Amino acid sequence: MTLPEGLSRRTLLVKLGIAFNAAIAAVLAVPIVRYLMSPVIHERKGGYDAWVSLGNLEQFPPGQTRFATYRNPVVNPWDGTTGDIACWVRNVDGKSFQVFAINCAHLGCPVRWFPQSSLFLCPCHGGAYYQDGSRASGPPERGLFEYGYKLESGRLFIKAEEMPTPGSACKSKNSDIVREIKPCA
């Protein structure tokens, strides 16, 4: 192979090295620039402000606590069963409900309901909660996180805009059938 006049093998290899490094830098820059520009380019998906049905009221008999799941409204098709979120539904008296996140307020382990003792128990560090979700004992410093809910057409809906967290733990009662969780001030 003959090189054009005035171009040495060393100069050619340096130029090829620079071109290769530039191509690699461009490939690596695409996800970084996309991440930095995502708040500007992409708006919030409509699923964040969603009321999700947990089922008919007959599924939750008065005075009982039942396990329920719902599909996260902002999942992707490839999320599979990881898009299913579990919760505990307590029908207090047939008219009022409490819907608890399944996660312990200590480290997020899934709590289990034990109807014999009327307690939610965490298997990780021994946290215990009363049937109304308040702290009974153990390391958690607060009660279970609670979803807002509403009743419509014989169905129970929960506000699935975000997972309940310590920042959204303050509750205010808006009406007789809707309990919203508002951020603490």
N, C-alpha and C. Protein backbone atom coordinates (compact mmCIF):
# COMPACT_ATOMS: atom_id res chain seq x y z
N MET A 1 0.85 -1.17 0.00
CA MET A 1 0.00 0.00 0.00
C MET A 1 0.89 1.23 0.00
N THR A 2 0.56 2.12 -0.88
CA THR A 2 1.34 3.36 -0.96
C THR A 2 0.52 4.49 -0.39
N LEU A 3 1.18 5.35 0.34
CA LEU A 3 0.54 6.49 0.97
C LEU A 3 0.63 7.69 0.06
N PRO A 4 -0.35 8.60 0.11
CA PRO A 4 -0.25 9.82 -0.68
C PRO A 4 1.01 10.60 -0.27
N GLU A 5 1.48 11.40 -1.18
CA GLU A 5 2.68 12.17 -0.92
C GLU A 5 2.46 13.15 0.23
N GLY A 6 3.44 13.27 1.11
CA GLY A 6 3.36 14.18 2.24
C GLY A 6 2.65 13.59 3.44
N LEU A 7 2.18 12.35 3.35
CA LEU A 7 1.47 11.70 4.48
C LEU A 7 2.27 10.49 4.91
N SER A 8 2.84 10.56 6.10
CA SER A 8 3.62 9.46 6.60
C SER A 8 2.69 8.46 7.30
N ARG A 9 3.24 7.27 7.56
CA ARG A 9 2.45 6.26 8.25
C ARG A 9 2.07 6.75 9.65
N ARG A 10 2.98 7.43 10.32
CA ARG A 10 2.72 7.96 11.66
C ARG A 10 1.57 8.96 11.64
N THR A 11 1.54 9.87 10.69
CA THR A 11 0.48 10.87 10.58
C THR A 11 -0.86 10.20 10.31
N LEU A 12 -0.86 9.20 9.44
CA LEU A 12 -2.09 8.47 9.14
C LEU A 12 -2.65 7.78 10.39
N LEU A 13 -1.78 7.10 11.16
CA LEU A 13 -2.24 6.41 12.36
C LEU A 13 -2.73 7.39 13.43
N VAL A 14 -2.09 8.55 13.55
CA VAL A 14 -2.54 9.56 14.51
C VAL A 14 -3.94 10.05 14.11
N LYS A 15 -4.13 10.32 12.83
CA LYS A 15 -5.45 10.78 12.38
C LYS A 15 -6.53 9.71 12.57
N LEU A 16 -6.19 8.44 12.30
CA LEU A 16 -7.14 7.35 12.53
C LEU A 16 -7.45 7.22 14.02
N GLY A 17 -6.45 7.37 14.87
CA GLY A 17 -6.66 7.31 16.33
C GLY A 17 -7.56 8.43 16.81
N ILE A 18 -7.36 9.62 16.31
CA ILE A 18 -8.21 10.76 16.68
C ILE A 18 -9.64 10.54 16.21
N ALA A 19 -9.82 10.03 15.00
CA ALA A 19 -11.17 9.77 14.48
C ALA A 19 -11.86 8.68 15.30
N PHE A 20 -11.11 7.62 15.66
CA PHE A 20 -11.69 6.55 16.47
C PHE A 20 -12.10 7.06 17.85
N ASN A 21 -11.25 7.84 18.50
CA ASN A 21 -11.56 8.41 19.81
C ASN A 21 -12.75 9.37 19.73
N ALA A 22 -12.85 10.14 18.66
CA ALA A 22 -13.98 11.05 18.49
C ALA A 22 -15.28 10.27 18.33
N ALA A 23 -15.24 9.17 17.59
CA ALA A 23 -16.44 8.34 17.41
C ALA A 23 -16.88 7.73 18.74
N ILE A 24 -15.95 7.22 19.53
CA ILE A 24 -16.26 6.64 20.84
C ILE A 24 -16.83 7.72 21.76
N ALA A 25 -16.23 8.92 21.76
CA ALA A 25 -16.73 10.02 22.60
C ALA A 25 -18.15 10.40 22.21
N ALA A 26 -18.46 10.41 20.91
CA ALA A 26 -19.81 10.75 20.47
C ALA A 26 -20.81 9.69 20.91
N VAL A 27 -20.43 8.42 20.84
CA VAL A 27 -21.32 7.34 21.27
C VAL A 27 -21.58 7.44 22.77
N LEU A 28 -20.56 7.74 23.54
CA LEU A 28 -20.72 7.86 24.99
C LEU A 28 -21.46 9.14 25.38
N ALA A 29 -21.38 10.16 24.58
CA ALA A 29 -22.02 11.45 24.91
C ALA A 29 -23.53 11.41 24.70
N VAL A 30 -24.02 10.57 23.81
CA VAL A 30 -25.46 10.53 23.52
C VAL A 30 -26.30 10.26 24.77
N PRO A 31 -26.04 9.19 25.55
CA PRO A 31 -26.88 8.98 26.74
C PRO A 31 -26.69 10.05 27.81
N ILE A 32 -25.49 10.60 27.91
CA ILE A 32 -25.25 11.64 28.90
C ILE A 32 -26.03 12.90 28.55
N VAL A 33 -25.97 13.32 27.31
CA VAL A 33 -26.72 14.51 26.87
C VAL A 33 -28.22 14.25 26.97
N ARG A 34 -28.65 13.05 26.61
CA ARG A 34 -30.07 12.73 26.70
C ARG A 34 -30.56 12.79 28.16
N TYR A 35 -29.74 12.29 29.09
CA TYR A 35 -30.10 12.35 30.51
C TYR A 35 -30.19 13.80 30.97
N LEU A 36 -29.23 14.62 30.60
CA LEU A 36 -29.22 16.01 31.03
C LEU A 36 -30.37 16.81 30.42
N MET A 37 -30.78 16.46 29.22
CA MET A 37 -31.84 17.20 28.54
C MET A 37 -33.23 16.63 28.78
N SER A 38 -33.35 15.48 29.45
CA SER A 38 -34.66 14.84 29.62
C SER A 38 -35.70 15.70 30.32
N PRO A 39 -35.36 16.48 31.35
CA PRO A 39 -36.41 17.32 31.95
C PRO A 39 -36.97 18.35 30.98
N VAL A 40 -36.16 18.79 30.05
CA VAL A 40 -36.61 19.80 29.09
C VAL A 40 -37.39 19.16 27.95
N ILE A 41 -36.92 18.01 27.49
CA ILE A 41 -37.51 17.37 26.31
C ILE A 41 -38.79 16.61 26.65
N HIS A 42 -38.74 15.80 27.71
CA HIS A 42 -39.87 14.94 28.05
C HIS A 42 -40.71 15.57 29.14
N GLU A 43 -42.00 15.60 28.91
CA GLU A 43 -42.92 16.04 29.95
C GLU A 43 -43.31 14.86 30.79
N ARG A 44 -43.88 15.13 31.94
CA ARG A 44 -44.33 14.09 32.85
C ARG A 44 -45.44 13.27 32.20
N LYS A 45 -45.36 11.95 32.32
CA LYS A 45 -46.38 11.08 31.74
C LYS A 45 -47.70 11.25 32.47
N GLY A 46 -48.80 11.06 31.77
CA GLY A 46 -50.12 11.22 32.36
C GLY A 46 -50.44 10.23 33.45
N GLY A 47 -49.74 9.11 33.51
CA GLY A 47 -50.01 8.09 34.49
C GLY A 47 -49.67 8.46 35.92
N TYR A 48 -48.88 9.51 36.10
CA TYR A 48 -48.49 9.90 37.45
C TYR A 48 -49.67 10.37 38.28
N ASP A 49 -50.66 10.92 37.66
CA ASP A 49 -51.81 11.45 38.38
C ASP A 49 -52.99 10.53 38.14
N ALA A 50 -52.86 9.28 38.58
CA ALA A 50 -53.85 8.28 38.21
C ALA A 50 -54.56 7.70 39.42
N TRP A 51 -55.85 7.48 39.26
CA TRP A 51 -56.64 6.71 40.22
C TRP A 51 -56.72 5.31 39.66
N VAL A 52 -56.28 4.33 40.43
CA VAL A 52 -56.22 2.95 39.97
C VAL A 52 -57.22 2.13 40.78
N SER A 53 -57.97 1.28 40.09
CA SER A 53 -58.96 0.44 40.76
C SER A 53 -58.29 -0.76 41.42
N LEU A 54 -58.70 -1.02 42.66
CA LEU A 54 -58.26 -2.23 43.36
C LEU A 54 -59.29 -3.34 43.26
N GLY A 55 -60.49 -3.00 42.80
CA GLY A 55 -61.52 -4.02 42.63
C GLY A 55 -62.85 -3.59 43.23
N ASN A 56 -63.81 -4.51 43.18
CA ASN A 56 -65.14 -4.26 43.73
C ASN A 56 -65.09 -4.24 45.25
N LEU A 57 -66.04 -3.52 45.84
CA LEU A 57 -66.08 -3.41 47.30
C LEU A 57 -66.35 -4.76 47.95
N GLU A 58 -67.02 -5.69 47.23
CA GLU A 58 -67.31 -7.01 47.78
C GLU A 58 -66.04 -7.80 48.07
N GLN A 59 -64.94 -7.46 47.41
CA GLN A 59 -63.67 -8.15 47.64
C GLN A 59 -63.08 -7.82 49.01
N PHE A 60 -63.56 -6.75 49.63
CA PHE A 60 -63.01 -6.28 50.90
C PHE A 60 -64.12 -6.24 51.94
N PRO A 61 -64.40 -7.36 52.62
CA PRO A 61 -65.49 -7.42 53.59
C PRO A 61 -65.25 -6.48 54.78
N PRO A 62 -66.33 -5.93 55.34
CA PRO A 62 -66.19 -5.02 56.50
C PRO A 62 -65.47 -5.71 57.66
N GLY A 63 -64.58 -4.94 58.30
CA GLY A 63 -63.86 -5.44 59.45
C GLY A 63 -62.67 -6.33 59.12
N GLN A 64 -62.35 -6.49 57.84
CA GLN A 64 -61.25 -7.37 57.46
C GLN A 64 -60.17 -6.60 56.71
N THR A 65 -58.98 -7.16 56.73
CA THR A 65 -57.84 -6.62 55.98
C THR A 65 -57.46 -7.64 54.92
N ARG A 66 -57.37 -7.17 53.69
CA ARG A 66 -57.08 -8.07 52.57
C ARG A 66 -55.88 -7.57 51.77
N PHE A 67 -55.18 -8.52 51.17
CA PHE A 67 -54.06 -8.25 50.28
C PHE A 67 -54.61 -7.89 48.90
N ALA A 68 -54.04 -6.89 48.26
CA ALA A 68 -54.47 -6.51 46.91
C ALA A 68 -53.25 -6.07 46.11
N THR A 69 -53.35 -6.14 44.80
CA THR A 69 -52.29 -5.64 43.92
C THR A 69 -52.91 -4.76 42.85
N TYR A 70 -52.11 -3.87 42.33
CA TYR A 70 -52.52 -3.03 41.21
C TYR A 70 -51.33 -2.86 40.28
N ARG A 71 -51.63 -2.49 39.06
CA ARG A 71 -50.59 -2.29 38.05
C ARG A 71 -50.12 -0.84 38.10
N ASN A 72 -48.83 -0.64 38.26
CA ASN A 72 -48.26 0.70 38.27
C ASN A 72 -48.65 1.41 36.97
N PRO A 73 -49.24 2.62 37.05
CA PRO A 73 -49.71 3.28 35.83
C PRO A 73 -48.59 3.83 34.95
N VAL A 74 -47.35 3.81 35.39
CA VAL A 74 -46.26 4.36 34.58
C VAL A 74 -45.22 3.31 34.22
N VAL A 75 -45.64 2.06 34.09
CA VAL A 75 -44.71 1.00 33.73
C VAL A 75 -44.47 0.99 32.22
N ASN A 76 -43.41 0.31 31.85
CA ASN A 76 -43.11 0.06 30.45
C ASN A 76 -43.53 -1.36 30.13
N PRO A 77 -43.79 -1.66 28.85
CA PRO A 77 -44.23 -3.02 28.51
C PRO A 77 -43.24 -4.11 28.93
N TRP A 78 -41.97 -3.81 28.98
CA TRP A 78 -40.97 -4.82 29.32
C TRP A 78 -40.77 -4.99 30.83
N ASP A 79 -41.53 -4.27 31.65
CA ASP A 79 -41.39 -4.38 33.10
C ASP A 79 -41.96 -5.69 33.66
N GLY A 80 -42.86 -6.31 32.94
CA GLY A 80 -43.41 -7.59 33.38
C GLY A 80 -44.11 -7.49 34.73
N THR A 81 -43.91 -8.50 35.58
CA THR A 81 -44.58 -8.53 36.87
C THR A 81 -43.99 -7.54 37.87
N THR A 82 -42.85 -6.94 37.55
CA THR A 82 -42.29 -5.94 38.46
C THR A 82 -43.13 -4.67 38.48
N GLY A 83 -44.03 -4.52 37.52
CA GLY A 83 -44.94 -3.37 37.50
C GLY A 83 -46.16 -3.56 38.37
N ASP A 84 -46.31 -4.73 38.99
CA ASP A 84 -47.42 -4.99 39.91
C ASP A 84 -47.01 -4.57 41.32
N ILE A 85 -47.84 -3.77 41.96
CA ILE A 85 -47.53 -3.25 43.29
C ILE A 85 -48.55 -3.79 44.28
N ALA A 86 -48.05 -4.28 45.40
CA ALA A 86 -48.92 -4.87 46.42
C ALA A 86 -49.29 -3.83 47.47
N CYS A 87 -50.43 -4.04 48.11
CA CYS A 87 -50.88 -3.18 49.20
C CYS A 87 -51.84 -3.98 50.10
N TRP A 88 -52.11 -3.43 51.26
CA TRP A 88 -53.07 -4.02 52.19
C TRP A 88 -54.28 -3.11 52.28
N VAL A 89 -55.47 -3.67 52.12
CA VAL A 89 -56.72 -2.89 52.17
C VAL A 89 -57.48 -3.29 53.42
N ARG A 90 -57.77 -2.32 54.25
CA ARG A 90 -58.55 -2.55 55.48
C ARG A 90 -59.90 -1.86 55.32
N ASN A 91 -60.97 -2.66 55.36
CA ASN A 91 -62.32 -2.12 55.35
C ASN A 91 -62.71 -1.92 56.81
N VAL A 92 -62.72 -0.67 57.25
CA VAL A 92 -62.93 -0.38 58.66
C VAL A 92 -64.34 -0.72 59.09
N ASP A 93 -65.34 -0.18 58.38
CA ASP A 93 -66.73 -0.39 58.80
C ASP A 93 -67.70 -0.52 57.63
N GLY A 94 -67.21 -0.82 56.47
CA GLY A 94 -68.07 -0.93 55.29
C GLY A 94 -68.18 0.36 54.51
N LYS A 95 -67.82 1.48 55.13
CA LYS A 95 -67.90 2.78 54.46
C LYS A 95 -66.56 3.48 54.37
N SER A 96 -65.68 3.21 55.31
CA SER A 96 -64.36 3.83 55.29
C SER A 96 -63.28 2.76 55.17
N PHE A 97 -62.22 3.11 54.47
CA PHE A 97 -61.15 2.18 54.18
C PHE A 97 -59.82 2.78 54.57
N GLN A 98 -58.84 1.93 54.70
CA GLN A 98 -57.45 2.32 54.81
C GLN A 98 -56.68 1.43 53.84
N VAL A 99 -55.83 2.04 53.04
CA VAL A 99 -55.02 1.29 52.08
C VAL A 99 -53.56 1.59 52.42
N PHE A 100 -52.86 0.54 52.84
CA PHE A 100 -51.48 0.69 53.29
C PHE A 100 -50.51 0.17 52.24
N ALA A 101 -49.39 0.87 52.12
CA ALA A 101 -48.28 0.34 51.32
C ALA A 101 -47.77 -0.91 52.02
N ILE A 102 -47.32 -1.87 51.27
CA ILE A 102 -46.89 -3.14 51.85
C ILE A 102 -45.54 -3.01 52.55
N ASN A 103 -44.84 -1.92 52.33
CA ASN A 103 -43.48 -1.77 52.84
C ASN A 103 -43.43 -1.21 54.25
N CYS A 104 -42.56 -1.80 55.06
CA CYS A 104 -42.30 -1.32 56.42
C CYS A 104 -41.70 0.08 56.34
N ALA A 105 -42.04 0.93 57.29
CA ALA A 105 -41.53 2.29 57.31
C ALA A 105 -40.08 2.35 57.80
N HIS A 106 -39.53 1.23 58.22
CA HIS A 106 -38.15 1.21 58.71
C HIS A 106 -37.17 1.08 57.53
N LEU A 107 -37.16 -0.07 56.88
CA LEU A 107 -36.24 -0.29 55.76
C LEU A 107 -36.94 -0.78 54.49
N GLY A 108 -38.25 -0.82 54.49
CA GLY A 108 -38.98 -1.17 53.28
C GLY A 108 -39.25 -2.64 53.06
N CYS A 109 -38.99 -3.47 54.03
CA CYS A 109 -39.31 -4.90 53.89
C CYS A 109 -40.83 -5.07 53.80
N PRO A 110 -41.32 -6.09 53.11
CA PRO A 110 -42.76 -6.28 53.01
C PRO A 110 -43.36 -6.78 54.32
N VAL A 111 -44.37 -6.08 54.81
CA VAL A 111 -45.03 -6.50 56.05
C VAL A 111 -46.12 -7.51 55.72
N ARG A 112 -46.44 -8.37 56.69
CA ARG A 112 -47.50 -9.36 56.54
C ARG A 112 -48.58 -9.07 57.56
N TRP A 113 -49.81 -9.39 57.19
CA TRP A 113 -50.96 -9.20 58.08
C TRP A 113 -51.23 -10.52 58.79
N PHE A 114 -51.37 -10.45 60.12
CA PHE A 114 -51.71 -11.62 60.91
C PHE A 114 -53.04 -11.36 61.61
N PRO A 115 -54.14 -11.91 61.06
CA PRO A 115 -55.46 -11.63 61.62
C PRO A 115 -55.64 -12.16 63.06
N GLN A 116 -54.88 -13.20 63.44
CA GLN A 116 -55.01 -13.76 64.78
C GLN A 116 -54.64 -12.72 65.85
N SER A 117 -53.64 -11.92 65.57
CA SER A 117 -53.19 -10.91 66.53
C SER A 117 -53.59 -9.50 66.12
N SER A 118 -54.22 -9.36 64.96
CA SER A 118 -54.58 -8.04 64.40
C SER A 118 -53.37 -7.13 64.31
N LEU A 119 -52.26 -7.68 63.79
CA LEU A 119 -51.03 -6.91 63.65
C LEU A 119 -50.42 -7.12 62.27
N PHE A 120 -49.76 -6.07 61.77
CA PHE A 120 -48.88 -6.19 60.63
C PHE A 120 -47.48 -6.40 61.22
N LEU A 121 -46.77 -7.42 60.73
CA LEU A 121 -45.45 -7.71 61.25
C LEU A 121 -44.42 -7.69 60.13
N CYS A 122 -43.28 -7.10 60.44
CA CYS A 122 -42.17 -7.03 59.48
C CYS A 122 -41.17 -8.12 59.83
N PRO A 123 -40.81 -8.99 58.87
CA PRO A 123 -39.90 -10.09 59.17
C PRO A 123 -38.44 -9.67 59.29
N CYS A 124 -38.07 -8.50 58.82
CA CYS A 124 -36.66 -8.13 58.78
C CYS A 124 -36.09 -7.74 60.14
N HIS A 125 -36.76 -6.82 60.83
CA HIS A 125 -36.21 -6.34 62.10
C HIS A 125 -37.24 -6.31 63.22
N GLY A 126 -38.35 -7.01 63.05
CA GLY A 126 -39.32 -7.14 64.12
C GLY A 126 -40.25 -5.97 64.31
N GLY A 127 -40.43 -5.15 63.29
CA GLY A 127 -41.38 -4.04 63.40
C GLY A 127 -42.80 -4.56 63.45
N ALA A 128 -43.63 -3.93 64.26
CA ALA A 128 -45.03 -4.34 64.38
C ALA A 128 -45.91 -3.11 64.28
N TYR A 129 -47.07 -3.30 63.64
CA TYR A 129 -48.03 -2.21 63.44
C TYR A 129 -49.42 -2.71 63.82
N TYR A 130 -50.21 -1.82 64.43
CA TYR A 130 -51.59 -2.15 64.74
C TYR A 130 -52.40 -2.21 63.45
N GLN A 131 -53.64 -2.69 63.56
CA GLN A 131 -54.48 -2.85 62.37
C GLN A 131 -54.80 -1.52 61.68
N ASP A 132 -54.71 -0.39 62.41
CA ASP A 132 -54.94 0.91 61.79
C ASP A 132 -53.67 1.49 61.16
N GLY A 133 -52.58 0.70 61.15
CA GLY A 133 -51.34 1.12 60.53
C GLY A 133 -50.39 1.88 61.43
N SER A 134 -50.82 2.19 62.65
CA SER A 134 -49.94 2.92 63.55
C SER A 134 -48.87 1.98 64.13
N ARG A 135 -47.77 2.57 64.54
CA ARG A 135 -46.63 1.80 65.05
C ARG A 135 -46.99 1.14 66.38
N ALA A 136 -46.67 -0.16 66.50
CA ALA A 136 -46.90 -0.88 67.75
C ALA A 136 -45.58 -1.07 68.49
N SER A 137 -44.54 -1.53 67.79
CA SER A 137 -43.24 -1.72 68.44
C SER A 137 -42.18 -1.93 67.38
N GLY A 138 -40.93 -2.01 67.83
CA GLY A 138 -39.82 -2.28 66.94
C GLY A 138 -39.13 -1.02 66.46
N PRO A 139 -38.22 -1.17 65.49
CA PRO A 139 -37.42 -0.04 65.04
C PRO A 139 -38.15 1.04 64.22
N PRO A 140 -39.28 0.75 63.55
CA PRO A 140 -39.90 1.83 62.78
C PRO A 140 -40.31 2.98 63.70
N GLU A 141 -40.07 4.19 63.25
CA GLU A 141 -40.40 5.37 64.05
C GLU A 141 -41.79 5.91 63.74
N ARG A 142 -42.46 5.36 62.77
CA ARG A 142 -43.78 5.85 62.37
C ARG A 142 -44.63 4.67 61.92
N GLY A 143 -45.88 4.96 61.60
CA GLY A 143 -46.79 3.93 61.12
C GLY A 143 -46.57 3.61 59.65
N LEU A 144 -47.40 2.70 59.13
CA LEU A 144 -47.33 2.34 57.72
C LEU A 144 -47.73 3.51 56.84
N PHE A 145 -47.17 3.56 55.65
CA PHE A 145 -47.54 4.59 54.69
C PHE A 145 -48.92 4.26 54.13
N GLU A 146 -49.72 5.29 53.91
CA GLU A 146 -51.11 5.09 53.52
C GLU A 146 -51.41 5.80 52.20
N TYR A 147 -52.14 5.11 51.33
CA TYR A 147 -52.59 5.69 50.06
C TYR A 147 -53.89 6.45 50.27
N GLY A 148 -54.10 7.48 49.45
CA GLY A 148 -55.40 8.11 49.39
C GLY A 148 -56.35 7.20 48.61
N TYR A 149 -57.64 7.28 48.89
CA TYR A 149 -58.59 6.40 48.19
C TYR A 149 -59.89 7.15 47.93
N LYS A 150 -60.69 6.56 47.04
CA LYS A 150 -62.05 7.04 46.80
C LYS A 150 -62.90 5.85 46.39
N LEU A 151 -64.21 5.98 46.60
CA LEU A 151 -65.17 4.96 46.21
C LEU A 151 -66.01 5.51 45.07
N GLU A 152 -66.14 4.74 44.00
CA GLU A 152 -66.95 5.14 42.85
C GLU A 152 -67.60 3.90 42.24
N SER A 153 -68.89 3.97 42.05
CA SER A 153 -69.64 2.91 41.38
C SER A 153 -69.35 1.53 41.97
N GLY A 154 -69.27 1.43 43.27
CA GLY A 154 -69.05 0.14 43.91
C GLY A 154 -67.64 -0.39 43.79
N ARG A 155 -66.70 0.47 43.44
CA ARG A 155 -65.30 0.06 43.29
C ARG A 155 -64.41 0.93 44.18
N LEU A 156 -63.30 0.36 44.60
CA LEU A 156 -62.32 1.06 45.42
C LEU A 156 -61.16 1.50 44.53
N PHE A 157 -60.86 2.80 44.55
CA PHE A 157 -59.77 3.36 43.77
C PHE A 157 -58.74 3.96 44.72
N ILE A 158 -57.46 3.83 44.36
CA ILE A 158 -56.41 4.48 45.14
C ILE A 158 -55.66 5.47 44.26
N LYS A 159 -55.11 6.48 44.90
CA LYS A 159 -54.30 7.48 44.21
C LYS A 159 -52.91 6.90 44.05
N ALA A 160 -52.58 6.48 42.83
CA ALA A 160 -51.32 5.78 42.58
C ALA A 160 -50.30 6.69 41.90
N GLU A 161 -50.35 7.97 42.22
CA GLU A 161 -49.42 8.88 41.54
C GLU A 161 -47.98 8.66 41.98
N GLU A 162 -47.78 8.26 43.21
CA GLU A 162 -46.44 7.99 43.69
C GLU A 162 -46.51 7.07 44.89
N MET A 163 -45.41 6.43 45.16
CA MET A 163 -45.35 5.57 46.34
C MET A 163 -45.37 6.44 47.59
N PRO A 164 -46.12 6.06 48.60
CA PRO A 164 -46.09 6.83 49.83
C PRO A 164 -44.69 6.80 50.45
N THR A 165 -44.24 7.96 50.90
CA THR A 165 -42.92 8.10 51.52
C THR A 165 -43.03 9.03 52.71
N PRO A 166 -41.97 9.16 53.50
CA PRO A 166 -42.04 10.08 54.64
C PRO A 166 -42.41 11.51 54.23
N GLY A 167 -42.03 11.96 53.05
CA GLY A 167 -42.36 13.30 52.60
C GLY A 167 -43.82 13.49 52.25
N SER A 168 -44.56 12.39 52.06
CA SER A 168 -45.98 12.50 51.70
C SER A 168 -46.87 11.89 52.77
N ALA A 169 -46.41 11.88 53.99
CA ALA A 169 -47.11 11.13 55.04
C ALA A 169 -48.20 11.92 55.75
N CYS A 170 -48.32 13.22 55.52
CA CYS A 170 -49.36 14.00 56.21
C CYS A 170 -50.68 13.81 55.50
N LYS A 171 -51.76 13.58 56.26
CA LYS A 171 -53.06 13.30 55.67
C LYS A 171 -54.03 14.44 55.96
N SER A 172 -54.88 14.70 55.01
CA SER A 172 -55.98 15.64 55.25
C SER A 172 -57.23 15.05 54.65
N LYS A 173 -58.35 15.25 55.26
CA LYS A 173 -59.60 14.67 54.79
C LYS A 173 -60.31 15.71 53.92
N ASN A 174 -60.50 15.38 52.64
CA ASN A 174 -61.13 16.31 51.71
C ASN A 174 -62.64 16.15 51.66
N SER A 175 -63.11 14.94 51.84
CA SER A 175 -64.55 14.70 51.82
C SER A 175 -64.82 13.43 52.61
N ASP A 176 -66.03 12.97 52.58
CA ASP A 176 -66.38 11.77 53.33
C ASP A 176 -65.79 10.50 52.73
N ILE A 177 -65.55 10.50 51.41
CA ILE A 177 -65.09 9.27 50.80
C ILE A 177 -63.70 9.36 50.20
N VAL A 178 -63.07 10.52 50.20
CA VAL A 178 -61.76 10.65 49.59
C VAL A 178 -60.76 11.12 50.64
N ARG A 179 -59.70 10.37 50.79
CA ARG A 179 -58.61 10.79 51.68
C ARG A 179 -57.37 10.98 50.81
N GLU A 180 -56.87 12.16 50.79
CA GLU A 180 -55.67 12.47 50.02
C GLU A 180 -54.49 12.55 50.97
N ILE A 181 -53.33 12.22 50.48
CA ILE A 181 -52.12 12.38 51.26
C ILE A 181 -51.41 13.61 50.74
N LYS A 182 -51.24 14.60 51.61
CA LYS A 182 -50.61 15.87 51.24
C LYS A 182 -49.21 15.93 51.82
N PRO A 183 -48.29 16.62 51.12
CA PRO A 183 -46.94 16.78 51.68
C PRO A 183 -46.97 17.57 52.98
N CYS A 184 -46.06 17.23 53.89
CA CYS A 184 -45.95 17.94 55.15
C CYS A 184 -45.39 19.33 54.93
N ALA A 185 -45.85 20.29 55.68
CA ALA A 185 -45.33 21.65 55.53
C ALA A 185 -44.27 21.92 56.57
